[in-house]
């Protein structure tokens, strides 16, 4: 009896875009609009380089207008606009899977669909991890005193965690959440999604703070959890330590995402000697991404494959890897609430 092997069903030209499609479908960050696919960033990845300048124009400054005069000697002084330059960084990453493990998992089902679902789901989780690492770096930079005037220290964060737990005061509550939104001033409505740790989600449910509304796109899907009109998304990867948890509110386009195509995004290799001659197949999958928090510049010194997710020097979660470029708080569509849950 002939067995279906991964090498028989994986056609790289078909598999690569299929896995990417699954990644986009399963990534909550993408489906909520928090991450927006940016063709400019994808275009950067088609060329060379590790870091890329992303220019933008500032809004016009809110100076007082001129009062008209009939004196020909009174000349108006034209105002000027200014440019900002964000800096994005390339992430070149890959993962491999052995078919010795996959062959059993694929038995009795469509190998191509099963592999595609697994790989796409894996990369959606890794995308989420990259965003969390980048946000950790952004918040760490914001918590520190600025080197110049690029930000007001701590203006992204509302911390109600206190020194010890007090029910209704230090744990997640409506007042603390609204205070966090208020850091955005009149732009608070731009924050349309919130990311919570499952422990915080449990607190919200116990206090009847969650409203479940039907999915407008798929009526047959599970109801969508919301709080004060914002979609609530659970992620156990959100920072937490010693009963202190972070909740993040993010607006559409808070993170920009570029997707490139590696030279060989997908490859399958046979190892006939492996397994004492029984044979082995290995699936390699590679990605090229830019995951860029809007309004910031990556200022670390990246390795050739780009930074990793850690908080060590030059990597995504390190405070020194980032600096804010957008001058107004309202332009940074990010807010954080820190609570103590027990």
C-alpha atoms as a PDB file:
ATOM      1  CA  UNK A   1       0.000   0.000   0.000  1.00  0.00           C
ATOM      2  CA  UNK A   2       1.390   3.420  -0.953  1.00  0.00           C
ATOM      3  CA  UNK A   3       1.357   6.121   1.726  1.00  0.00           C
ATOM      4  CA  UNK A   4       0.734   9.766   0.908  1.00  0.00           C
ATOM      5  CA  UNK A   5       3.794  11.770   1.901  1.00  0.00           C
ATOM      6  CA  UNK A   6       4.136  15.502   2.443  1.00  0.00           C
ATOM      7  CA  UNK A   7       6.540  15.737  -0.477  1.00  0.00           C
ATOM      8  CA  UNK A   8       3.773  14.418  -2.729  1.00  0.00           C
ATOM      9  CA  UNK A   9       1.203  17.047  -1.786  1.00  0.00           C
ATOM     10  CA  UNK A  10       3.113  20.245  -0.962  1.00  0.00           C
ATOM     11  CA  UNK A  11       3.562  22.377  -4.041  1.00  0.00           C
ATOM     12  CA  UNK A  12       5.467  25.437  -2.803  1.00  0.00           C
ATOM     13  CA  UNK A  13       3.809  27.834  -5.264  1.00  0.00           C
ATOM     14  CA  UNK A  14       0.403  26.810  -3.913  1.00  0.00           C
ATOM     15  CA  UNK A  15       1.283  26.141  -0.297  1.00  0.00           C
ATOM     16  CA  UNK A  16       2.977  29.479   0.458  1.00  0.00           C
ATOM     17  CA  UNK A  17       0.041  31.812  -0.361  1.00  0.00           C
ATOM     18  CA  UNK A  18      -2.391  29.319   1.173  1.00  0.00           C
ATOM     19  CA  UNK A  19      -0.549  29.347   4.503  1.00  0.00           C
ATOM     20  CA  UNK A  20      -0.359  33.149   4.385  1.00  0.00           C
ATOM     21  CA  UNK A  21      -4.090  33.368   3.787  1.00  0.00           C
ATOM     22  CA  UNK A  22      -4.768  31.199   6.831  1.00  0.00           C
ATOM     23  CA  UNK A  23      -2.419  33.397   8.886  1.00  0.00           C
ATOM     24  CA  UNK A  24      -4.414  36.495   7.980  1.00  0.00           C
ATOM     25  CA  UNK A  25      -7.748  34.803   8.661  1.00  0.00           C
ATOM     26  CA  UNK A  26      -6.775  33.532  12.118  1.00  0.00           C
ATOM     27  CA  UNK A  27      -4.865  36.528  13.436  1.00  0.00           C
ATOM     28  CA  UNK A  28      -7.276  38.447  15.672  1.00  0.00           C
ATOM     29  CA  UNK A  29      -5.074  41.486  15.328  1.00  0.00           C
ATOM     30  CA  UNK A  30      -5.713  41.502  11.592  1.00  0.00           C
ATOM     31  CA  UNK A  31      -9.429  40.815  11.703  1.00  0.00           C
ATOM     32  CA  UNK A  32     -10.049  43.641  14.208  1.00  0.00           C
ATOM     33  CA  UNK A  33      -8.194  46.176  12.059  1.00  0.00           C
ATOM     34  CA  UNK A  34      -5.533  46.801  14.699  1.00  0.00           C
ATOM     35  CA  UNK A  35      -2.972  45.586  12.189  1.00  0.00           C
ATOM     36  CA  UNK A  36      -3.335  46.933   8.671  1.00  0.00           C
ATOM     37  CA  UNK A  37      -1.464  45.453   5.756  1.00  0.00           C
ATOM     38  CA  UNK A  38       0.648  48.275   4.302  1.00  0.00           C
ATOM     39  CA  UNK A  39       1.670  47.926   0.630  1.00  0.00           C
ATOM     40  CA  UNK A  40       4.555  50.358   1.179  1.00  0.00           C
ATOM     41  CA  UNK A  41       6.098  48.124   3.837  1.00  0.00           C
ATOM     42  CA  UNK A  42       5.600  45.068   1.630  1.00  0.00           C
ATOM     43  CA  UNK A  43       7.311  46.945  -1.186  1.00  0.00           C
ATOM     44  CA  UNK A  44      10.283  47.627   1.096  1.00  0.00           C
ATOM     45  CA  UNK A  45      10.642  43.895   1.700  1.00  0.00           C
ATOM     46  CA  UNK A  46      10.904  43.268  -2.030  1.00  0.00           C
ATOM     47  CA  UNK A  47      14.246  45.094  -2.012  1.00  0.00           C
ATOM     48  CA  UNK A  48      17.343  44.955   0.120  1.00  0.00           C
ATOM     49  CA  UNK A  49      18.041  46.359   3.561  1.00  0.00           C
ATOM     50  CA  UNK A  50      17.246  45.620   7.182  1.00  0.00           C
ATOM     51  CA  UNK A  51      15.739  48.960   8.261  1.00  0.00           C
ATOM     52  CA  UNK A  52      13.577  51.315   6.227  1.00  0.00           C
ATOM     53  CA  UNK A  53      12.654  54.989   6.566  1.00  0.00           C
ATOM     54  CA  UNK A  54       8.896  55.591   6.498  1.00  0.00           C
ATOM     55  CA  UNK A  55       8.345  59.320   5.907  1.00  0.00           C
ATOM     56  CA  UNK A  56       5.144  61.138   6.787  1.00  0.00           C
ATOM     57  CA  UNK A  57       3.937  64.721   7.092  1.00  0.00           C
ATOM     58  CA  UNK A  58       2.807  66.172  10.401  1.00  0.00           C
ATOM     59  CA  UNK A  59      -0.574  67.804  10.775  1.00  0.00           C
ATOM     60  CA  UNK A  60      -0.607  71.588  10.522  1.00  0.00           C
ATOM     61  CA  UNK A  61       0.301  73.196  13.844  1.00  0.00           C
ATOM     62  CA  UNK A  62      -2.628  74.730  15.721  1.00  0.00           C
ATOM     63  CA  UNK A  63      -1.342  78.320  15.748  1.00  0.00           C
ATOM     64  CA  UNK A  64      -3.752  81.254  15.792  1.00  0.00           C
ATOM     65  CA  UNK A  65      -4.982  82.462  12.431  1.00  0.00           C
ATOM     66  CA  UNK A  66      -4.207  85.941  11.109  1.00  0.00           C
ATOM     67  CA  UNK A  67      -6.588  88.847  11.570  1.00  0.00           C
ATOM     68  CA  UNK A  68      -7.126  90.628   8.274  1.00  0.00           C
ATOM     69  CA  UNK A  69      -5.786  94.154   7.865  1.00  0.00           C
ATOM     70  CA  UNK A  70      -6.104  96.905   5.260  1.00  0.00           C
ATOM     71  CA  UNK A  71      -2.526  98.052   5.890  1.00  0.00           C
ATOM     72  CA  UNK A  72      -0.413  97.034   2.865  1.00  0.00           C
ATOM     73  CA  UNK A  73       2.721  97.118   5.020  1.00  0.00           C
ATOM     74  CA  UNK A  74       1.400  94.381   7.305  1.00  0.00           C
ATOM     75  CA  UNK A  75       2.636  91.155   5.801  1.00  0.00           C
ATOM     76  CA  UNK A  76       1.450  87.703   6.751  1.00  0.00           C
ATOM     77  CA  UNK A  77       4.092  85.225   7.938  1.00  0.00           C
ATOM     78  CA  UNK A  78       3.504  81.856   6.249  1.00  0.00           C
ATOM     79  CA  UNK A  79       3.581  78.800   8.486  1.00  0.00           C
ATOM     80  CA  UNK A  80       5.387  75.634   7.523  1.00  0.00           C
ATOM     81  CA  UNK A  81       4.718  71.954   7.808  1.00  0.00           C
ATOM     82  CA  UNK A  82       7.141  69.364   9.146  1.00  0.00           C
ATOM     83  CA  UNK A  83       8.020  65.804   8.254  1.00  0.00           C
ATOM     84  CA  UNK A  84       8.509  62.815  10.529  1.00  0.00           C
ATOM     85  CA  UNK A  85      10.532  59.751   9.714  1.00  0.00           C
ATOM     86  CA  UNK A  86       9.519  56.472  11.245  1.00  0.00           C
ATOM     87  CA  UNK A  87      11.914  53.542  10.930  1.00  0.00           C
ATOM     88  CA  UNK A  88      10.692  49.993  10.321  1.00  0.00           C
ATOM     89  CA  UNK A  89      12.762  46.812  10.585  1.00  0.00           C
ATOM     90  CA  UNK A  90      12.783  43.587   8.555  1.00  0.00           C
ATOM     91  CA  UNK A  91      11.994  40.299  10.313  1.00  0.00           C
ATOM     92  CA  UNK A  92      13.358  37.241   8.462  1.00  0.00           C
ATOM     93  CA  UNK A  93      12.174  34.114  10.243  1.00  0.00           C
ATOM     94  CA  UNK A  94      11.547  30.465   9.534  1.00  0.00           C
ATOM     95  CA  UNK A  95      10.408  27.181  11.020  1.00  0.00           C
ATOM     96  CA  UNK A  96      10.683  23.528   9.998  1.00  0.00           C
ATOM     97  CA  UNK A  97       8.619  20.418  10.676  1.00  0.00           C
ATOM     98  CA  UNK A  98       9.537  16.759  10.283  1.00  0.00           C
ATOM     99  CA  UNK A  99       7.101  14.549   8.408  1.00  0.00           C
ATOM    100  CA  UNK A 100       7.793  11.660  10.768  1.00  0.00           C
ATOM    101  CA  UNK A 101       5.556  13.479  13.176  1.00  0.00           C
ATOM    102  CA  UNK A 102       3.156  14.856  10.586  1.00  0.00           C
ATOM    103  CA  UNK A 103       2.568  11.579   8.742  1.00  0.00           C
ATOM    104  CA  UNK A 104       0.609  10.124  11.655  1.00  0.00           C
ATOM    105  CA  UNK A 105      -1.299  13.374  12.235  1.00  0.00           C
ATOM    106  CA  UNK A 106      -2.257  13.488   8.536  1.00  0.00           C
ATOM    107  CA  UNK A 107      -3.543   9.900   8.327  1.00  0.00           C
ATOM    108  CA  UNK A 108      -7.074   9.704   7.042  1.00  0.00           C
ATOM    109  CA  UNK A 109      -7.398  13.379   6.178  1.00  0.00           C
ATOM    110  CA  UNK A 110      -6.410  15.758   3.417  1.00  0.00           C
ATOM    111  CA  UNK A 111      -2.666  16.310   3.956  1.00  0.00           C
ATOM    112  CA  UNK A 112      -2.514  19.628   2.164  1.00  0.00           C
ATOM    113  CA  UNK A 113      -5.401  21.137   4.105  1.00  0.00           C
ATOM    114  CA  UNK A 114      -4.113  19.836   7.428  1.00  0.00           C
ATOM    115  CA  UNK A 115      -0.570  21.069   6.887  1.00  0.00           C
ATOM    116  CA  UNK A 116      -1.830  24.435   5.660  1.00  0.00           C
ATOM    117  CA  UNK A 117      -4.080  24.849   8.687  1.00  0.00           C
ATOM    118  CA  UNK A 118      -1.291  23.998  11.092  1.00  0.00           C
ATOM    119  CA  UNK A 119       1.325  26.217   9.510  1.00  0.00           C
ATOM    120  CA  UNK A 120      -1.024  29.166   9.062  1.00  0.00           C
ATOM    121  CA  UNK A 121      -2.196  28.927  12.661  1.00  0.00           C
ATOM    122  CA  UNK A 122       1.414  28.690  13.843  1.00  0.00           C
ATOM    123  CA  UNK A 123       2.368  31.872  12.000  1.00  0.00           C
ATOM    124  CA  UNK A 124      -0.708  33.736  13.255  1.00  0.00           C
ATOM    125  CA  UNK A 125       0.424  32.971  16.811  1.00  0.00           C
ATOM    126  CA  UNK A 126       3.932  34.087  15.962  1.00  0.00           C
ATOM    127  CA  UNK A 127       2.557  37.292  14.436  1.00  0.00           C
ATOM    128  CA  UNK A 128       0.691  37.934  17.670  1.00  0.00           C
ATOM    129  CA  UNK A 129       3.931  37.312  19.595  1.00  0.00           C
ATOM    130  CA  UNK A 130       5.815  39.835  17.447  1.00  0.00           C
ATOM    131  CA  UNK A 131       3.148  42.471  18.060  1.00  0.00           C
ATOM    132  CA  UNK A 132       3.231  41.832  21.822  1.00  0.00           C
ATOM    133  CA  UNK A 133       7.037  42.062  21.872  1.00  0.00           C
ATOM    134  CA  UNK A 134       6.965  45.316  19.896  1.00  0.00           C
ATOM    135  CA  UNK A 135       4.297  46.770  22.197  1.00  0.00           C
ATOM    136  CA  UNK A 136       6.396  45.771  25.203  1.00  0.00           C
ATOM    137  CA  UNK A 137       9.273  47.743  23.721  1.00  0.00           C
ATOM    138  CA  UNK A 138       7.046  50.745  23.017  1.00  0.00           C
ATOM    139  CA  UNK A 139       5.682  50.785  26.573  1.00  0.00           C
ATOM    140  CA  UNK A 140       9.153  50.314  28.067  1.00  0.00           C
ATOM    141  CA  UNK A 141      10.394  53.294  26.061  1.00  0.00           C
ATOM    142  CA  UNK A 142       7.370  55.342  27.137  1.00  0.00           C
ATOM    143  CA  UNK A 143       7.873  54.442  30.808  1.00  0.00           C
ATOM    144  CA  UNK A 144      11.405  55.815  30.696  1.00  0.00           C
ATOM    145  CA  UNK A 145      12.314  59.491  30.839  1.00  0.00           C
ATOM    146  CA  UNK A 146      12.720  60.744  27.263  1.00  0.00           C
ATOM    147  CA  UNK A 147      16.105  61.779  25.978  1.00  0.00           C
ATOM    148  CA  UNK A 148      14.487  64.856  24.422  1.00  0.00           C
ATOM    149  CA  UNK A 149      10.880  65.894  23.914  1.00  0.00           C
ATOM    150  CA  UNK A 150       9.746  62.912  21.867  1.00  0.00           C
ATOM    151  CA  UNK A 151       7.165  61.837  24.473  1.00  0.00           C
ATOM    152  CA  UNK A 152       5.718  62.602  27.867  1.00  0.00           C
ATOM    153  CA  UNK A 153       6.902  59.929  30.277  1.00  0.00           C
ATOM    154  CA  UNK A 154       4.180  57.367  30.935  1.00  0.00           C
ATOM    155  CA  UNK A 155       1.488  59.073  28.869  1.00  0.00           C
ATOM    156  CA  UNK A 156       0.379  55.752  27.348  1.00  0.00           C
ATOM    157  CA  UNK A 157      -0.312  54.058  30.690  1.00  0.00           C
ATOM    158  CA  UNK A 158      -2.824  54.197  33.532  1.00  0.00           C
ATOM    159  CA  UNK A 159      -1.675  52.107  36.518  1.00  0.00           C
ATOM    160  CA  UNK A 160      -4.262  51.281  39.193  1.00  0.00           C
ATOM    161  CA  UNK A 161      -2.508  48.131  40.471  1.00  0.00           C
ATOM    162  CA  UNK A 162      -1.445  49.655  43.790  1.00  0.00           C
ATOM    163  CA  UNK A 163       0.798  47.977  46.325  1.00  0.00           C
ATOM    164  CA  UNK A 164      -1.734  45.296  47.277  1.00  0.00           C
ATOM    165  CA  UNK A 165      -5.036  43.919  46.036  1.00  0.00           C
ATOM    166  CA  UNK A 166      -8.225  45.843  46.847  1.00  0.00           C
ATOM    167  CA  UNK A 167     -11.354  44.442  45.230  1.00  0.00           C
ATOM    168  CA  UNK A 168     -13.035  46.939  42.931  1.00  0.00           C
ATOM    169  CA  UNK A 169     -10.093  49.329  43.157  1.00  0.00           C
ATOM    170  CA  UNK A 170      -6.925  47.636  41.899  1.00  0.00           C
ATOM    171  CA  UNK A 171      -8.521  45.011  39.674  1.00  0.00           C
ATOM    172  CA  UNK A 172     -10.094  45.716  36.288  1.00  0.00           C
ATOM    173  CA  UNK A 173     -12.983  48.144  36.602  1.00  0.00           C
ATOM    174  CA  UNK A 174     -14.869  50.609  34.433  1.00  0.00           C
ATOM    175  CA  UNK A 175     -13.421  53.722  36.071  1.00  0.00           C
ATOM    176  CA  UNK A 176      -9.832  52.610  35.506  1.00  0.00           C
ATOM    177  CA  UNK A 177     -10.614  51.659  31.925  1.00  0.00           C
ATOM    178  CA  UNK A 178     -12.190  55.056  31.219  1.00  0.00           C
ATOM    179  CA  UNK A 179      -9.188  56.794  32.775  1.00  0.00           C
ATOM    180  CA  UNK A 180      -6.957  54.881  30.372  1.00  0.00           C
ATOM    181  CA  UNK A 181      -9.129  55.902  27.415  1.00  0.00           C
ATOM    182  CA  UNK A 182      -9.012  59.523  28.565  1.00  0.00           C
ATOM    183  CA  UNK A 183      -5.256  59.644  27.936  1.00  0.00           C
ATOM    184  CA  UNK A 184      -6.311  59.853  24.280  1.00  0.00           C
ATOM    185  CA  UNK A 185      -8.464  62.951  24.944  1.00  0.00           C
ATOM    186  CA  UNK A 186     -11.119  63.448  22.258  1.00  0.00           C
ATOM    187  CA  UNK A 187      -9.550  60.681  20.130  1.00  0.00           C
ATOM    188  CA  UNK A 188     -10.504  57.939  22.609  1.00  0.00           C
ATOM    189  CA  UNK A 189     -13.122  56.552  20.215  1.00  0.00           C
ATOM    190  CA  UNK A 190     -10.271  55.563  17.908  1.00  0.00           C
ATOM    191  CA  UNK A 191      -9.412  52.734  20.319  1.00  0.00           C
ATOM    192  CA  UNK A 192     -11.771  50.063  19.021  1.00  0.00           C
ATOM    193  CA  UNK A 193     -10.270  46.850  20.392  1.00  0.00           C
ATOM    194  CA  UNK A 194      -8.916  45.731  23.734  1.00  0.00           C
ATOM    195  CA  UNK A 195      -6.568  42.853  24.466  1.00  0.00           C
ATOM    196  CA  UNK A 196      -6.838  41.207  27.875  1.00  0.00           C
ATOM    197  CA  UNK A 197      -5.181  38.325  29.677  1.00  0.00           C
ATOM    198  CA  UNK A 198      -7.595  35.444  30.412  1.00  0.00           C
ATOM    199  CA  UNK A 199      -7.358  36.251  34.133  1.00  0.00           C
ATOM    200  CA  UNK A 200      -8.540  39.814  33.467  1.00  0.00           C
ATOM    201  CA  UNK A 201     -11.233  38.436  31.164  1.00  0.00           C
ATOM    202  CA  UNK A 202     -12.379  36.261  34.079  1.00  0.00           C
ATOM    203  CA  UNK A 203     -12.646  39.322  36.314  1.00  0.00           C
ATOM    204  CA  UNK A 204     -14.704  41.095  33.673  1.00  0.00           C
ATOM    205  CA  UNK A 205     -17.096  38.167  33.334  1.00  0.00           C
ATOM    206  CA  UNK A 206     -17.513  37.752  37.088  1.00  0.00           C
ATOM    207  CA  UNK A 207     -18.495  41.409  37.305  1.00  0.00           C
ATOM    208  CA  UNK A 208     -20.882  41.138  34.339  1.00  0.00           C
ATOM    209  CA  UNK A 209     -18.899  43.648  32.297  1.00  0.00           C
ATOM    210  CA  UNK A 210     -18.935  41.678  29.037  1.00  0.00           C
ATOM    211  CA  UNK A 211     -21.649  42.106  26.400  1.00  0.00           C
ATOM    212  CA  UNK A 212     -21.885  39.414  23.740  1.00  0.00           C
ATOM    213  CA  UNK A 213     -23.090  40.623  20.361  1.00  0.00           C
ATOM    214  CA  UNK A 214     -23.765  38.608  17.188  1.00  0.00           C
ATOM    215  CA  UNK A 215     -20.993  38.457  14.617  1.00  0.00           C
ATOM    216  CA  UNK A 216     -22.095  40.857  11.869  1.00  0.00           C
ATOM    217  CA  UNK A 217     -20.132  38.969   9.200  1.00  0.00           C
ATOM    218  CA  UNK A 218     -20.971  35.395  10.178  1.00  0.00           C
ATOM    219  CA  UNK A 219     -24.305  35.061  12.027  1.00  0.00           C
ATOM    220  CA  UNK A 220     -23.540  31.389  12.729  1.00  0.00           C
ATOM    221  CA  UNK A 221     -20.293  32.194  14.546  1.00  0.00           C
ATOM    222  CA  UNK A 222     -19.982  32.561  18.300  1.00  0.00           C
ATOM    223  CA  UNK A 223     -21.079  35.905  19.713  1.00  0.00           C
ATOM    224  CA  UNK A 224     -18.365  38.543  19.947  1.00  0.00           C
ATOM    225  CA  UNK A 225     -17.406  39.710  23.465  1.00  0.00           C
ATOM    226  CA  UNK A 226     -17.410  43.496  23.842  1.00  0.00           C
ATOM    227  CA  UNK A 227     -16.950  46.061  26.604  1.00  0.00           C
ATOM    228  CA  UNK A 228     -18.201  49.636  26.230  1.00  0.00           C
ATOM    229  CA  UNK A 229     -18.495  49.032  22.507  1.00  0.00           C
ATOM    230  CA  UNK A 230     -14.972  47.642  22.085  1.00  0.00           C
ATOM    231  CA  UNK A 231     -14.158  44.125  20.994  1.00  0.00           C
ATOM    232  CA  UNK A 232     -12.497  42.106  23.757  1.00  0.00           C
ATOM    233  CA  UNK A 233      -9.744  39.700  22.671  1.00  0.00           C
ATOM    234  CA  UNK A 234      -8.040  37.292  25.042  1.00  0.00           C
ATOM    235  CA  UNK A 235      -4.329  36.586  24.799  1.00  0.00           C
ATOM    236  CA  UNK A 236      -2.371  34.803  27.510  1.00  0.00           C
ATOM    237  CA  UNK A 237       0.829  36.315  26.088  1.00  0.00           C
ATOM    238  CA  UNK A 238      -0.001  39.751  27.503  1.00  0.00           C
ATOM    239  CA  UNK A 239       2.517  40.806  30.178  1.00  0.00           C
ATOM    240  CA  UNK A 240       1.791  39.746  33.732  1.00  0.00           C
ATOM    241  CA  UNK A 241       3.795  39.131  36.894  1.00  0.00           C
ATOM    242  CA  UNK A 242       2.940  38.692  40.582  1.00  0.00           C
ATOM    243  CA  UNK A 243      -0.820  39.124  39.973  1.00  0.00           C
ATOM    244  CA  UNK A 244      -0.280  42.370  38.024  1.00  0.00           C
ATOM    245  CA  UNK A 245      -1.725  42.310  34.498  1.00  0.00           C
ATOM    246  CA  UNK A 246      -1.702  44.596  31.482  1.00  0.00           C
ATOM    247  CA  UNK A 247      -4.728  45.373  29.325  1.00  0.00           C
ATOM    248  CA  UNK A 248      -4.128  47.091  26.006  1.00  0.00           C
ATOM    249  CA  UNK A 249      -6.513  49.259  24.004  1.00  0.00           C
ATOM    250  CA  UNK A 250      -5.540  49.629  20.367  1.00  0.00           C
ATOM    251  CA  UNK A 251      -7.010  51.520  17.440  1.00  0.00           C
ATOM    252  CA  UNK A 252      -7.231  50.612  13.787  1.00  0.00           C
ATOM    253  CA  UNK A 253      -3.852  50.932  12.119  1.00  0.00           C
ATOM    254  CA  UNK A 254      -1.986  51.056  15.438  1.00  0.00           C
ATOM    255  CA  UNK A 255       0.382  48.528  13.897  1.00  0.00           C
ATOM    256  CA  UNK A 256       1.355  48.372  10.222  1.00  0.00           C
ATOM    257  CA  UNK A 257       2.219  45.028   8.646  1.00  0.00           C
ATOM    258  CA  UNK A 258       4.319  44.341   5.598  1.00  0.00           C
ATOM    259  CA  UNK A 259       4.571  40.882   4.025  1.00  0.00           C
ATOM    260  CA  UNK A 260       7.432  39.883   1.735  1.00  0.00           C
ATOM    261  CA  UNK A 261       8.285  36.750  -0.213  1.00  0.00           C
ATOM    262  CA  UNK A 262      11.529  34.938   0.646  1.00  0.00           C
ATOM    263  CA  UNK A 263      13.562  33.488  -2.206  1.00  0.00           C
ATOM    264  CA  UNK A 264      12.235  30.011  -1.324  1.00  0.00           C
ATOM    265  CA  UNK A 265       9.366  30.481   1.089  1.00  0.00           C
ATOM    266  CA  UNK A 266       8.566  26.758   1.191  1.00  0.00           C
ATOM    267  CA  UNK A 267      10.760  23.726   0.610  1.00  0.00           C
ATOM    268  CA  UNK A 268      10.531  20.004   1.305  1.00  0.00           C
ATOM    269  CA  UNK A 269      13.652  17.891   1.796  1.00  0.00           C
ATOM    270  CA  UNK A 270      14.102  14.102   1.928  1.00  0.00           C
ATOM    271  CA  UNK A 271      16.529  12.435   4.338  1.00  0.00           C
ATOM    272  CA  UNK A 272      16.706   8.818   3.247  1.00  0.00           C
ATOM    273  CA  UNK A 273      19.208   7.825   5.976  1.00  0.00           C
ATOM    274  CA  UNK A 274      17.069   9.099   8.862  1.00  0.00           C
ATOM    275  CA  UNK A 275      15.212   6.620  11.013  1.00  0.00           C
ATOM    276  CA  UNK A 276      17.859   3.998  10.342  1.00  0.00           C
ATOM    277  CA  UNK A 277      17.034   4.127   6.655  1.00  0.00           C
ATOM    278  CA  UNK A 278      13.261   4.388   7.027  1.00  0.00           C
ATOM    279  CA  UNK A 279      13.374   7.921   5.637  1.00  0.00           C
ATOM    280  CA  UNK A 280      12.307  11.350   6.743  1.00  0.00           C
ATOM    281  CA  UNK A 281      10.774  14.411   5.148  1.00  0.00           C
ATOM    282  CA  UNK A 282      11.278  17.944   6.441  1.00  0.00           C
ATOM    283  CA  UNK A 283       9.054  20.896   5.598  1.00  0.00           C
ATOM    284  CA  UNK A 284      10.722  24.325   5.729  1.00  0.00           C
ATOM    285  CA  UNK A 285       8.623  27.491   5.799  1.00  0.00           C
ATOM    286  CA  UNK A 286      10.069  31.015   5.774  1.00  0.00           C
ATOM    287  CA  UNK A 287       8.527  34.462   6.229  1.00  0.00           C
ATOM    288  CA  UNK A 288       9.566  38.069   5.670  1.00  0.00           C
ATOM    289  CA  UNK A 289       7.619  40.561   7.771  1.00  0.00           C
ATOM    290  CA  UNK A 290       7.656  44.122   8.925  1.00  0.00           C
ATOM    291  CA  UNK A 291       5.557  44.647  12.052  1.00  0.00           C
ATOM    292  CA  UNK A 292       5.700  48.348  12.776  1.00  0.00           C
ATOM    293  CA  UNK A 293       3.972  50.268  15.608  1.00  0.00           C
ATOM    294  CA  UNK A 294       2.718  53.428  13.933  1.00  0.00           C
ATOM    295  CA  UNK A 295       4.383  56.652  15.024  1.00  0.00           C
ATOM    296  CA  UNK A 296       7.631  55.059  16.190  1.00  0.00           C
ATOM    297  CA  UNK A 297      11.107  54.377  14.891  1.00  0.00           C
ATOM    298  CA  UNK A 298      13.166  51.252  15.450  1.00  0.00           C
ATOM    299  CA  UNK A 299      16.567  52.617  16.503  1.00  0.00           C
ATOM    300  CA  UNK A 300      18.340  49.429  17.535  1.00  0.00           C
ATOM    301  CA  UNK A 301      21.143  47.800  15.563  1.00  0.00           C
ATOM    302  CA  UNK A 302      19.476  44.791  13.999  1.00  0.00           C
ATOM    303  CA  UNK A 303      21.203  41.513  13.242  1.00  0.00           C
ATOM    304  CA  UNK A 304      21.129  40.292   9.646  1.00  0.00           C
ATOM    305  CA  UNK A 305      17.898  38.365  10.234  1.00  0.00           C
ATOM    306  CA  UNK A 306      16.327  41.243  12.156  1.00  0.00           C
ATOM    307  CA  UNK A 307      15.611  41.542  15.878  1.00  0.00           C
ATOM    308  CA  UNK A 308      14.031  38.761  17.918  1.00  0.00           C
ATOM    309  CA  UNK A 309      11.159  39.143  20.388  1.00  0.00           C
ATOM    310  CA  UNK A 310      13.193  39.467  23.585  1.00  0.00           C
ATOM    311  CA  UNK A 311      13.872  42.510  25.767  1.00  0.00           C
ATOM    312  CA  UNK A 312      17.631  42.206  25.309  1.00  0.00           C
ATOM    313  CA  UNK A 313      19.740  44.831  23.538  1.00  0.00           C
ATOM    314  CA  UNK A 314      18.581  45.695  19.996  1.00  0.00           C
ATOM    315  CA  UNK A 315      15.560  43.381  20.134  1.00  0.00           C
ATOM    316  CA  UNK A 316      11.863  44.165  19.869  1.00  0.00           C
ATOM    317  CA  UNK A 317      10.858  44.253  23.548  1.00  0.00           C
ATOM    318  CA  UNK A 318      13.819  46.416  24.613  1.00  0.00           C
ATOM    319  CA  UNK A 319      13.087  50.047  25.514  1.00  0.00           C
ATOM    320  CA  UNK A 320      16.224  51.298  23.778  1.00  0.00           C
ATOM    321  CA  UNK A 321      15.128  49.789  20.460  1.00  0.00           C
ATOM    322  CA  UNK A 322      12.335  52.344  19.980  1.00  0.00           C
ATOM    323  CA  UNK A 323      11.712  56.066  19.988  1.00  0.00           C
ATOM    324  CA  UNK A 324       8.468  57.950  19.364  1.00  0.00           C
ATOM    325  CA  UNK A 325       8.286  60.049  16.214  1.00  0.00           C
ATOM    326  CA  UNK A 326       4.704  61.339  16.207  1.00  0.00           C
ATOM    327  CA  UNK A 327       4.522  64.414  18.451  1.00  0.00           C
ATOM    328  CA  UNK A 328       0.887  64.279  19.592  1.00  0.00           C
ATOM    329  CA  UNK A 329      -0.449  61.748  22.102  1.00  0.00           C
ATOM    330  CA  UNK A 330      -3.636  61.340  20.084  1.00  0.00           C
ATOM    331  CA  UNK A 331      -1.651  60.112  17.077  1.00  0.00           C
ATOM    332  CA  UNK A 332      -0.467  57.055  19.010  1.00  0.00           C
ATOM    333  CA  UNK A 333      -3.528  54.796  18.983  1.00  0.00           C
ATOM    334  CA  UNK A 334      -2.386  52.776  21.970  1.00  0.00           C
ATOM    335  CA  UNK A 335      -3.318  52.878  25.658  1.00  0.00           C
ATOM    336  CA  UNK A 336      -2.496  50.558  28.542  1.00  0.00           C
ATOM    337  CA  UNK A 337      -4.264  49.774  31.818  1.00  0.00           C
ATOM    338  CA  UNK A 338      -2.289  47.993  34.574  1.00  0.00           C
ATOM    339  CA  UNK A 339      -4.318  46.154  37.227  1.00  0.00           C
ATOM    340  CA  UNK A 340      -3.807  43.804  40.178  1.00  0.00           C
ATOM    341  CA  UNK A 341      -6.233  40.916  40.036  1.00  0.00           C
ATOM    342  CA  UNK A 342      -5.664  39.091  43.360  1.00  0.00           C
END
